[in-house]
Protein backbone atom coordinates (compact mmCIF):
# COMPACT_ATOMS: atom_id res chain seq x y z
CA UNK A 1 -84.78 35.50 -4.27
CA UNK A 2 -88.37 34.33 -3.87
CA UNK A 3 -89.78 31.06 -5.20
CA UNK A 4 -93.45 30.99 -6.19
CA UNK A 5 -95.34 27.70 -6.59
CA UNK A 6 -98.24 29.04 -8.67
CA UNK A 7 -98.83 31.65 -11.34
CA UNK A 8 -101.52 33.31 -9.23
CA UNK A 9 -99.06 34.09 -6.43
CA UNK A 10 -96.63 36.02 -8.66
CA UNK A 11 -96.64 39.82 -8.14
CA UNK A 12 -98.33 41.86 -10.87
CA UNK A 13 -95.15 43.48 -12.18
CA UNK A 14 -93.74 43.66 -15.69
CA UNK A 15 -91.86 40.41 -16.18
CA UNK A 16 -89.16 39.13 -18.50
CA UNK A 17 -89.50 35.36 -18.27
CA UNK A 18 -87.06 32.56 -19.08
CA UNK A 19 -88.67 29.13 -19.43
CA UNK A 20 -86.91 25.78 -19.28
CA UNK A 21 -85.54 22.92 -17.21
CA UNK A 22 -82.03 24.36 -16.72
CA UNK A 23 -80.58 21.09 -15.42
CA UNK A 24 -76.99 21.69 -14.33
CA UNK A 25 -77.12 25.42 -15.14
CA UNK A 26 -74.57 25.32 -17.96
CA UNK A 27 -73.19 28.07 -20.18
CA UNK A 28 -76.11 27.83 -22.60
CA UNK A 29 -78.54 28.31 -19.72
CA UNK A 30 -76.51 31.30 -18.56
CA UNK A 31 -76.96 32.89 -21.99
CA UNK A 32 -80.73 32.36 -21.79
CA UNK A 33 -80.74 34.01 -18.36
CA UNK A 34 -78.54 36.87 -19.61
CA UNK A 35 -80.95 37.60 -22.45
CA UNK A 36 -83.89 37.34 -20.06
CA UNK A 37 -82.29 39.94 -17.79
CA UNK A 38 -81.45 42.24 -20.71
CA UNK A 39 -84.94 43.77 -20.50
CA UNK A 40 -83.93 46.17 -17.73
CA UNK A 41 -87.40 47.66 -17.30
CA UNK A 42 -88.75 44.28 -16.14
CA UNK A 43 -88.28 41.93 -13.24
CA UNK A 44 -86.44 38.80 -14.36
CA UNK A 45 -88.03 35.45 -13.58
CA UNK A 46 -87.40 31.82 -14.41
CA UNK A 47 -90.28 29.43 -14.95
CA UNK A 48 -89.38 25.80 -14.42
CA UNK A 49 -91.08 22.64 -13.19
CA UNK A 50 -91.07 20.54 -10.03
CA UNK A 51 -89.79 17.49 -11.91
CA UNK A 52 -87.67 16.99 -15.01
CA UNK A 53 -90.13 16.43 -17.90
CA UNK A 54 -88.38 13.26 -19.02
CA UNK A 55 -88.55 11.83 -15.50
CA UNK A 56 -92.32 12.32 -15.56
CA UNK A 57 -93.00 11.29 -19.16
CA UNK A 58 -90.44 8.48 -19.56
CA UNK A 59 -89.36 7.46 -16.04
CA UNK A 60 -87.67 4.25 -17.17
CA UNK A 61 -85.43 6.15 -19.60
CA UNK A 62 -84.90 9.43 -17.77
CA UNK A 63 -81.31 10.25 -16.78
CA UNK A 64 -80.36 11.33 -13.28
CA UNK A 65 -80.38 15.08 -12.78
CA UNK A 66 -77.20 17.17 -12.69
CA UNK A 67 -78.60 19.46 -10.01
CA UNK A 68 -81.22 19.17 -7.29
CA UNK A 69 -83.87 21.91 -7.41
CA UNK A 70 -82.52 23.89 -4.45
CA UNK A 71 -79.00 23.80 -5.92
CA UNK A 72 -80.29 25.07 -9.24
CA UNK A 73 -82.23 27.89 -7.60
CA UNK A 74 -79.18 28.98 -5.60
CA UNK A 75 -77.25 29.25 -8.88
CA UNK A 76 -80.08 31.30 -10.41
CA UNK A 77 -79.73 33.76 -7.54
CA UNK A 78 -76.02 34.27 -8.23
CA UNK A 79 -76.89 35.04 -11.87
CA UNK A 80 -79.13 37.91 -10.81
CA UNK A 81 -82.56 36.35 -11.28
CA UNK A 82 -85.26 38.16 -9.27
CA UNK A 83 -87.53 35.18 -8.65
CA UNK A 84 -88.42 31.63 -9.69
CA UNK A 85 -91.80 30.19 -10.61
CA UNK A 86 -91.90 26.43 -10.01
CA UNK A 87 -95.00 24.80 -11.50
CA UNK A 88 -96.26 21.21 -11.11
CA UNK A 89 -95.38 19.53 -14.39
CA UNK A 90 -98.22 17.01 -14.08
CA UNK A 91 -100.73 19.85 -14.15
CA UNK A 92 -99.35 21.55 -17.27
CA UNK A 93 -97.89 18.78 -19.45
CA UNK A 94 -101.25 17.79 -20.95
CA UNK A 95 -102.26 21.39 -21.72
CA UNK A 96 -102.51 22.51 -25.33
CA UNK A 97 -99.32 24.50 -26.13
CA UNK A 98 -101.19 27.65 -27.11
CA UNK A 99 -103.37 27.42 -24.01
CA UNK A 100 -100.21 27.13 -21.91
CA UNK A 101 -98.85 30.35 -23.42
CA UNK A 102 -102.22 32.05 -23.03
CA UNK A 103 -102.31 30.98 -19.37
CA UNK A 104 -98.94 32.60 -18.78
CA UNK A 105 -100.14 35.80 -20.45
CA UNK A 106 -103.38 35.86 -18.44
CA UNK A 107 -101.64 35.45 -15.09
CA UNK A 108 -98.41 37.40 -15.58
CA UNK A 109 -97.60 40.88 -16.83
CA UNK A 110 -95.47 39.35 -19.57
CA UNK A 111 -93.30 41.61 -21.69
CA UNK A 112 -90.73 39.08 -22.89
CA UNK A 113 -90.17 35.31 -22.93
CA UNK A 114 -86.73 33.78 -23.53
CA UNK A 115 -86.39 30.10 -24.41
CA UNK A 116 -83.78 27.79 -25.87
CA UNK A 117 -83.93 26.69 -29.50
CA UNK A 118 -84.78 23.12 -28.42
CA UNK A 119 -87.43 23.88 -25.81
CA UNK A 120 -90.66 21.87 -26.18
CA UNK A 121 -93.81 22.28 -24.13
CA UNK A 122 -97.49 21.41 -23.82
CA UNK A 123 -99.42 18.27 -24.71
CA UNK A 124 -97.22 15.65 -26.39
CA UNK A 125 -94.43 18.25 -26.32
CA UNK A 126 -95.89 19.77 -29.50
CA UNK A 127 -95.10 23.34 -28.52
CA UNK A 128 -91.76 24.63 -29.79
CA UNK A 129 -89.83 27.84 -30.31
CA UNK A 130 -91.44 28.51 -33.72
CA UNK A 131 -94.94 28.24 -32.27
CA UNK A 132 -93.96 30.50 -29.36
CA UNK A 133 -92.53 33.08 -31.76
CA UNK A 134 -95.74 33.33 -33.80
CA UNK A 135 -97.89 33.36 -30.67
CA UNK A 136 -95.79 36.23 -29.31
CA UNK A 137 -96.42 38.35 -32.43
CA UNK A 138 -100.19 38.17 -31.93
CA UNK A 139 -100.07 38.39 -28.12
CA UNK A 140 -97.76 41.39 -27.99
CA UNK A 141 -95.04 39.51 -26.13
CA UNK A 142 -91.44 39.61 -27.35
CA UNK A 143 -90.04 36.10 -27.84
CA UNK A 144 -86.28 35.53 -27.68
CA UNK A 145 -85.09 32.18 -29.02
CA UNK A 146 -81.52 31.49 -27.94
CA UNK A 147 -79.49 29.49 -30.44
CA UNK A 148 -77.09 26.67 -29.47
CA UNK A 149 -74.22 27.81 -27.27
CA UNK A 150 -70.87 26.57 -28.59
CA UNK A 151 -67.67 25.96 -26.63
CA UNK A 152 -64.64 25.19 -28.78
CA UNK A 153 -66.99 24.43 -31.65
CA UNK A 154 -69.10 21.93 -29.70
CA UNK A 155 -72.66 22.53 -28.52
CA UNK A 156 -73.00 22.77 -24.76
CA UNK A 157 -75.77 20.51 -23.47
CA UNK A 158 -76.84 18.80 -20.26
CA UNK A 159 -76.55 15.45 -22.04
CA UNK A 160 -72.89 16.04 -22.96
CA UNK A 161 -72.13 17.16 -19.41
CA UNK A 162 -73.74 14.03 -17.93
CA UNK A 163 -71.53 11.87 -20.14
CA UNK A 164 -68.42 13.72 -18.97
CA UNK A 165 -69.38 13.34 -15.31
CA UNK A 166 -70.22 9.65 -15.66
CA UNK A 167 -66.76 9.09 -17.15
CA UNK A 168 -65.02 11.11 -14.42
CA UNK A 169 -63.94 14.02 -16.64
CA UNK A 170 -64.80 16.63 -14.03
CA UNK A 171 -62.49 19.35 -15.32
CA UNK A 172 -64.02 19.15 -18.79
CA UNK A 173 -67.51 19.13 -17.31
CA UNK A 174 -66.71 22.19 -15.19
CA UNK A 175 -65.62 24.09 -18.30
CA UNK A 176 -69.19 23.81 -19.66
CA UNK A 177 -70.98 24.70 -16.42
CA UNK A 178 -71.50 28.03 -14.70
CA UNK A 179 -70.19 26.31 -11.54
CA UNK A 180 -68.49 22.91 -11.22
CA UNK A 181 -70.62 19.85 -10.50
CA UNK A 182 -71.44 19.68 -6.81
CA UNK A 183 -72.74 17.34 -4.15
CA UNK A 184 -74.40 19.08 -1.23
CA UNK A 185 -76.02 17.99 1.99
CA UNK A 186 -75.75 17.62 5.74
CA UNK A 187 -72.63 16.13 7.33
CA UNK A 188 -73.42 12.74 8.90
CA UNK A 189 -71.53 10.82 11.55
CA UNK A 190 -69.60 7.97 9.93
CA UNK A 191 -67.45 5.18 11.35
CA UNK A 192 -64.64 7.70 12.06
CA UNK A 193 -62.09 5.41 10.43
CA UNK A 194 -60.42 8.41 8.81
CA UNK A 195 -59.49 9.75 12.23
CA UNK A 196 -57.54 6.57 13.00
CA UNK A 197 -55.55 7.19 9.80
CA UNK A 198 -54.92 10.86 10.71
CA UNK A 199 -57.21 11.73 7.82
CA UNK A 200 -60.56 12.89 9.29
CA UNK A 201 -63.35 13.19 6.75
CA UNK A 202 -66.85 14.61 6.43
CA UNK A 203 -69.49 12.13 5.33
CA UNK A 204 -72.42 12.96 3.04
CA UNK A 205 -75.30 10.75 2.01
CA UNK A 206 -75.53 9.80 -1.66
CA UNK A 207 -78.02 12.22 -3.27
CA UNK A 208 -80.69 11.38 -5.84
CA UNK A 209 -78.75 12.81 -8.76
CA UNK A 210 -76.04 11.80 -11.19
CA UNK A 211 -72.83 10.62 -9.52
CA UNK A 212 -69.24 10.55 -10.77
CA UNK A 213 -67.56 7.12 -10.85
CA UNK A 214 -65.86 5.79 -7.72
CA UNK A 215 -62.54 7.47 -7.13
CA UNK A 216 -60.62 10.30 -5.49
CA UNK A 217 -61.29 13.89 -6.58
CA UNK A 218 -59.84 17.34 -6.02
CA UNK A 219 -62.71 19.39 -4.67
CA UNK A 220 -63.64 22.68 -3.07
CA UNK A 221 -65.88 22.57 -0.01
CA UNK A 222 -68.03 25.54 0.95
CA UNK A 223 -69.92 26.21 4.18
CA UNK A 224 -70.70 29.23 6.34
CA UNK A 225 -69.65 31.42 3.41
CA UNK A 226 -66.08 30.04 3.48
CA UNK A 227 -64.30 27.99 0.83
CA UNK A 228 -61.72 25.25 1.48
CA UNK A 229 -59.46 23.04 -0.60
CA UNK A 230 -60.51 19.42 -0.16
CA UNK A 231 -60.19 15.83 -1.36
CA UNK A 232 -63.28 13.70 -1.85
CA UNK A 233 -63.53 9.94 -2.13
CA UNK A 234 -66.57 8.26 -3.65
CA UNK A 235 -66.79 4.51 -3.22
CA UNK A 236 -67.15 1.61 -0.83
CA UNK A 237 -63.79 1.91 0.97
CA UNK A 238 -62.63 -1.61 -0.03
CA UNK A 239 -59.34 -1.49 1.89
CA UNK A 240 -61.24 -1.04 5.17
CA UNK A 241 -64.25 -3.23 4.37
CA UNK A 242 -63.84 -5.48 1.36
CA UNK A 243 -67.39 -6.84 1.67
CA UNK A 244 -69.21 -3.52 1.82
CA UNK A 245 -71.43 -2.54 -1.11
CA UNK A 246 -72.61 0.73 0.42
CA UNK A 247 -71.40 3.77 -1.51
CA UNK A 248 -70.11 6.58 0.69
CA UNK A 249 -68.95 10.14 0.03
CA UNK A 250 -66.08 11.27 2.26
CA UNK A 251 -64.38 14.66 2.11
CA UNK A 252 -61.10 15.66 3.77
CA UNK A 253 -60.63 19.41 4.18
CA UNK A 254 -57.13 20.87 3.98
CA UNK A 255 -57.47 22.94 7.15
CA UNK A 256 -56.93 22.33 10.85
CA UNK A 257 -59.27 25.11 11.95
CA UNK A 258 -62.71 23.83 11.03
CA UNK A 259 -63.68 21.92 14.20
CA UNK A 260 -66.65 19.55 14.39
CA UNK A 261 -69.05 19.83 11.47
CA UNK A 262 -71.68 17.20 12.23
CA UNK A 263 -75.12 18.36 11.02
CA UNK A 264 -73.46 21.21 9.11
CA UNK A 265 -74.76 21.85 5.58
CA UNK A 266 -71.91 21.83 3.07
CA UNK A 267 -71.40 22.02 -0.69
CA UNK A 268 -68.62 20.00 -2.35
CA UNK A 269 -67.60 21.14 -5.86
CA UNK A 270 -65.69 18.65 -8.04
CA UNK A 271 -62.71 20.01 -9.98
CA UNK A 272 -60.67 17.02 -11.15
CA UNK A 273 -60.38 13.27 -10.72
CA UNK A 274 -57.03 12.05 -9.37
CA UNK A 275 -57.45 8.28 -9.49
CA UNK A 276 -59.83 5.35 -9.20
CA UNK A 277 -60.70 3.89 -5.82
CA UNK A 278 -58.31 1.02 -5.11
CA UNK A 279 -58.26 -1.86 -2.65
CA UNK A 280 -54.81 -1.70 -1.06
CA UNK A 281 -52.92 -4.58 0.48
CA UNK A 282 -52.66 -2.78 3.83
CA UNK A 283 -53.76 0.34 5.69
CA UNK A 284 -50.18 1.56 5.48
CA UNK A 285 -50.31 1.49 1.68
CA UNK A 286 -53.62 3.35 1.83
CA UNK A 287 -52.17 6.08 4.06
CA UNK A 288 -49.11 6.40 1.82
CA UNK A 289 -51.33 6.92 -1.23
CA UNK A 290 -53.57 9.41 0.60
CA UNK A 291 -50.51 11.49 1.47
CA UNK A 292 -49.57 11.48 -2.21
CA UNK A 293 -53.15 12.48 -3.11
CA UNK A 294 -52.86 15.44 -0.74
CA UNK A 295 -49.75 16.71 -2.50
CA UNK A 296 -51.33 16.28 -5.94
CA UNK A 297 -54.30 18.28 -4.69
CA UNK A 298 -52.12 21.07 -3.28
CA UNK A 299 -50.04 21.24 -6.47
CA UNK A 300 -53.24 21.57 -8.50
CA UNK A 301 -54.47 24.40 -6.31
CA UNK A 302 -51.14 26.22 -6.59
CA UNK A 303 -51.13 26.05 -10.38
CA UNK A 304 -54.82 26.81 -11.04
CA UNK A 305 -56.86 29.89 -10.28
CA UNK A 306 -59.95 28.77 -8.40
CA UNK A 307 -63.07 30.90 -8.65
CA UNK A 308 -65.19 31.85 -5.68
CA UNK A 309 -67.99 29.31 -5.41
CA UNK A 310 -71.43 29.94 -3.91
CA UNK A 311 -72.56 28.69 -0.53
CA UNK A 312 -75.93 27.40 -1.66
CA UNK A 313 -77.22 27.13 1.92
CA UNK A 314 -76.50 30.76 2.72
CA UNK A 315 -79.51 33.08 2.67
């Protein structure tokens, strides 16, 4: 799947375009993409921006993102999108809404645009789905406006998912997402304390995105196209270093066949929180609890069907 950074670089083919931020890639976004791809005579494309609009317009109030751009684009690929157009938000946010739509029409062979009911665009965010619909009638472009996507009677939204993740309700969050919340990155060399406890872990740096609360989580770790059951701890490891304030992400993989993974790119998908991070009275108590965590994790995997999850670093 190709990623274009300007309208001028996009091939002159008939295009069905979905426009939006798509943070997290939730079930509502998937419906927008499905409707975008329904025009089988066209290439399907997603137009998004290099920064979340709220982060640019209201940086002091903007929430952390659910997905980093490269994670989001990897998910688009699994949903069958042909290519992505990533535009610089700073260049387009002050454009008159109608001029923005005209610019798309002038540069792309547009046949259809699909947007969410609450999508706003252009100067002062004055462009909306109603304006796009009436513009489409005069421009000869079909406009699909996707209505709110409901799950169990509740509207699926990135805001609701952020709240679930911030409160540690990872299973509920996963039920609203195309794929469970993930943390991805390159394995770094840590202090190797886990090895001394017979519990070797993979360390990831804290990414610039929303983070679940400190605690122990049942996860799935994916790399080299393979998927493994895992446990992930987020926190400061207070039993080992009570003074540390540095947040670390450590993942234990339930396999003895993985070898050294330093500098390996991995994706860790969060399925369920087991417990909060605790400062134990001794290392022995910590090890005892970790062993119990392992069994809880294995029981969960035995009683739940786990979907195949994408390796976002795989070409």
